[in-house]
Amino acid sequence: MKRRVVVLHGPNLNALGTREPDVYGSTTLGEVDDALYRLAKELKLEIETMQRQGEGELINEIHLAAAEEKAIVINPGAYTHYSYAIRDALASVRVPKVEVHLSNIYSREPFRRRSVISPVVDGTVAGFGADSYLLALRAVAGMLDRIKR
């Protein structure tokens, strides 16, 4: 498998930096993406980042990533808690997949403590703010290295 990764930011993540900074931090999505591209260069990964509001758009990107043999880092946003369609799309693809959350969803409101995504991905990184994305990218790089062997 090639060392390529797509980072999918779900709904409302375009508002990072201004949306509930006490929960999600003050880092903007552009700053998250910049940090991801810097780390990807260090890890010798090809990455592309994109933010999509719609469930169907995310599903399309998941299938496209798999067809192009790209690993997936995904922050499904609120879809985490109820989108069986995104869950099924992720379950259907055979590429490394990591779920990401800026906040610790397990310490939040009861409806946010359940992820329908977690059972169908290789791992979940949550609660480290913008660093969650960087940790997820490192995890995917390690998975890609193990596949190459």
Protein backbone atom coordinates (compact mmCIF):
# COMPACT_ATOMS: atom_id res chain seq x y z
CA MET A 1 0.00 0.00 0.00
CA LYS A 2 1.26 3.46 -0.85
CA ARG A 3 1.91 5.91 1.95
CA ARG A 4 -1.07 8.12 1.20
CA VAL A 5 -3.63 9.43 3.66
CA VAL A 6 -6.81 11.43 3.44
CA VAL A 7 -7.89 13.43 6.50
CA LEU A 8 -11.63 13.97 6.58
CA HIS A 9 -13.01 16.72 8.79
CA GLY A 10 -16.75 16.39 9.36
CA PRO A 11 -19.52 18.92 9.94
CA ASN A 12 -18.89 22.18 11.78
CA LEU A 13 -15.14 21.65 11.96
CA ASN A 14 -14.74 24.61 9.61
CA ALA A 15 -15.70 26.69 12.68
CA LEU A 16 -12.74 25.53 14.77
CA GLY A 17 -11.13 28.36 16.64
CA THR A 18 -14.40 30.17 17.22
CA ARG A 19 -16.89 27.38 17.97
CA GLU A 20 -16.92 26.58 21.68
CA PRO A 21 -13.20 27.23 22.23
CA ASP A 22 -13.53 26.00 25.83
CA VAL A 23 -14.38 22.55 24.39
CA TYR A 24 -12.57 22.46 21.04
CA GLY A 25 -9.70 24.90 21.61
CA SER A 26 -8.70 28.02 19.74
CA THR A 27 -6.76 26.34 16.93
CA THR A 28 -8.38 26.90 13.54
CA LEU A 29 -8.95 24.20 10.95
CA GLY A 30 -6.35 25.86 8.75
CA GLU A 31 -3.82 25.61 11.56
CA VAL A 32 -4.71 21.93 12.10
CA ASP A 33 -4.21 21.26 8.40
CA ASP A 34 -0.91 23.16 8.33
CA ALA A 35 0.38 21.05 11.23
CA LEU A 36 -0.79 17.87 9.49
CA TYR A 37 1.03 18.77 6.28
CA ARG A 38 4.23 19.54 8.21
CA LEU A 39 4.07 16.23 10.06
CA ALA A 40 3.21 14.34 6.88
CA LYS A 41 6.34 15.72 5.25
CA GLU A 42 8.40 14.56 8.24
CA LEU A 43 6.78 11.11 8.08
CA LYS A 44 7.14 10.95 4.29
CA LEU A 45 3.40 10.64 3.77
CA GLU A 46 1.34 12.10 0.98
CA ILE A 47 -1.78 13.62 2.52
CA GLU A 48 -4.80 15.55 1.50
CA THR A 49 -7.21 17.19 3.90
CA MET A 50 -10.82 18.14 3.33
CA GLN A 51 -13.79 19.30 5.33
CA ARG A 52 -17.27 18.13 4.41
CA GLN A 53 -20.54 19.10 6.05
CA GLY A 54 -22.73 16.39 4.57
CA GLU A 55 -23.01 12.74 5.47
CA GLY A 56 -23.19 11.66 1.83
CA GLU A 57 -20.13 13.74 0.98
CA LEU A 58 -18.12 11.99 3.69
CA ILE A 59 -19.31 8.59 2.50
CA ASN A 60 -18.23 9.42 -1.06
CA GLU A 61 -14.78 10.49 0.20
CA ILE A 62 -14.41 7.27 2.22
CA HIS A 63 -15.11 5.11 -0.83
CA LEU A 64 -12.86 7.24 -3.04
CA ALA A 65 -10.00 7.00 -0.52
CA ALA A 66 -10.29 3.22 -0.47
CA ALA A 67 -10.39 3.02 -4.27
CA GLU A 68 -7.21 5.11 -4.35
CA GLU A 69 -5.61 3.01 -1.57
CA LYS A 70 -5.41 5.90 0.87
CA ALA A 71 -5.54 5.44 4.62
CA ILE A 72 -8.23 7.44 6.37
CA VAL A 73 -8.10 9.75 9.38
CA ILE A 74 -11.63 10.91 10.11
CA ASN A 75 -13.28 13.25 12.56
CA PRO A 76 -16.94 12.57 11.84
CA GLY A 77 -18.10 15.33 14.20
CA ALA A 78 -21.66 14.80 15.43
CA TYR A 79 -22.10 11.96 12.93
CA THR A 80 -19.93 9.93 15.33
CA HIS A 81 -22.91 9.29 17.54
CA TYR A 82 -25.57 8.22 15.07
CA SER A 83 -24.45 7.83 11.45
CA TYR A 84 -24.80 4.18 10.62
CA ALA A 85 -24.29 5.16 6.98
CA ILE A 86 -20.77 6.49 7.69
CA ARG A 87 -20.15 3.50 9.97
CA ASP A 88 -21.13 1.12 7.19
CA ALA A 89 -18.97 2.95 4.64
CA LEU A 90 -15.95 2.67 6.94
CA ALA A 91 -16.70 -0.99 7.67
CA SER A 92 -16.77 -1.72 3.94
CA VAL A 93 -13.30 -0.42 3.11
CA ARG A 94 -10.04 -2.26 3.71
CA VAL A 95 -7.58 0.54 4.41
CA PRO A 96 -6.13 1.73 7.72
CA LYS A 97 -8.68 3.97 9.46
CA VAL A 98 -8.39 6.12 12.59
CA GLU A 99 -11.19 8.10 14.24
CA VAL A 100 -10.24 11.47 15.75
CA HIS A 101 -11.89 13.79 18.24
CA LEU A 102 -10.53 17.01 19.66
CA SER A 103 -12.41 16.61 22.93
CA ASN A 104 -12.68 13.54 25.11
CA ILE A 105 -16.11 12.39 23.97
CA TYR A 106 -16.29 9.92 26.85
CA SER A 107 -16.26 12.71 29.43
CA ARG A 108 -18.95 14.80 27.74
CA GLU A 109 -22.74 14.74 27.62
CA PRO A 110 -24.23 11.23 27.67
CA PHE A 111 -25.32 11.34 24.01
CA ARG A 112 -21.72 12.10 22.96
CA ARG A 113 -20.20 9.16 24.86
CA ARG A 114 -21.25 6.60 22.27
CA SER A 115 -19.45 6.25 18.97
CA VAL A 116 -20.97 4.07 16.27
CA ILE A 117 -17.71 4.61 14.36
CA SER A 118 -15.21 3.20 16.89
CA PRO A 119 -16.08 -0.49 16.34
CA VAL A 120 -15.20 -0.32 12.63
CA VAL A 121 -11.93 1.62 12.70
CA ASP A 122 -8.46 0.52 13.76
CA GLY A 123 -8.28 3.01 16.61
CA THR A 124 -9.59 6.20 18.13
CA VAL A 125 -7.66 9.23 19.36
CA ALA A 126 -9.66 11.64 21.50
CA GLY A 127 -9.16 14.37 24.03
CA PHE A 128 -5.84 15.91 23.01
CA GLY A 129 -7.18 18.93 21.14
CA ALA A 130 -5.51 19.59 17.80
CA ASP A 131 -2.77 17.13 18.77
CA SER A 132 -5.34 14.34 18.38
CA TYR A 133 -4.99 14.71 14.62
CA LEU A 134 -1.20 14.51 14.79
CA LEU A 135 -1.32 11.42 16.98
CA ALA A 136 -3.76 9.82 14.54
CA LEU A 137 -1.50 10.61 11.60
CA ARG A 138 1.43 9.00 13.40
CA ALA A 139 -0.71 5.93 14.09
CA VAL A 140 -1.70 5.64 10.43
CA ALA A 141 1.94 6.00 9.37
CA GLY A 142 2.82 3.09 11.65
CA MET A 143 0.03 0.96 10.21
CA LEU A 144 1.17 1.72 6.67
CA ASP A 145 4.74 0.75 7.60
CA ARG A 146 3.54 -2.60 8.95
CA ILE A 147 1.56 -3.29 5.76
CA LYS A 148 4.65 -2.67 3.61
CA ARG A 149 6.64 -5.37 5.43
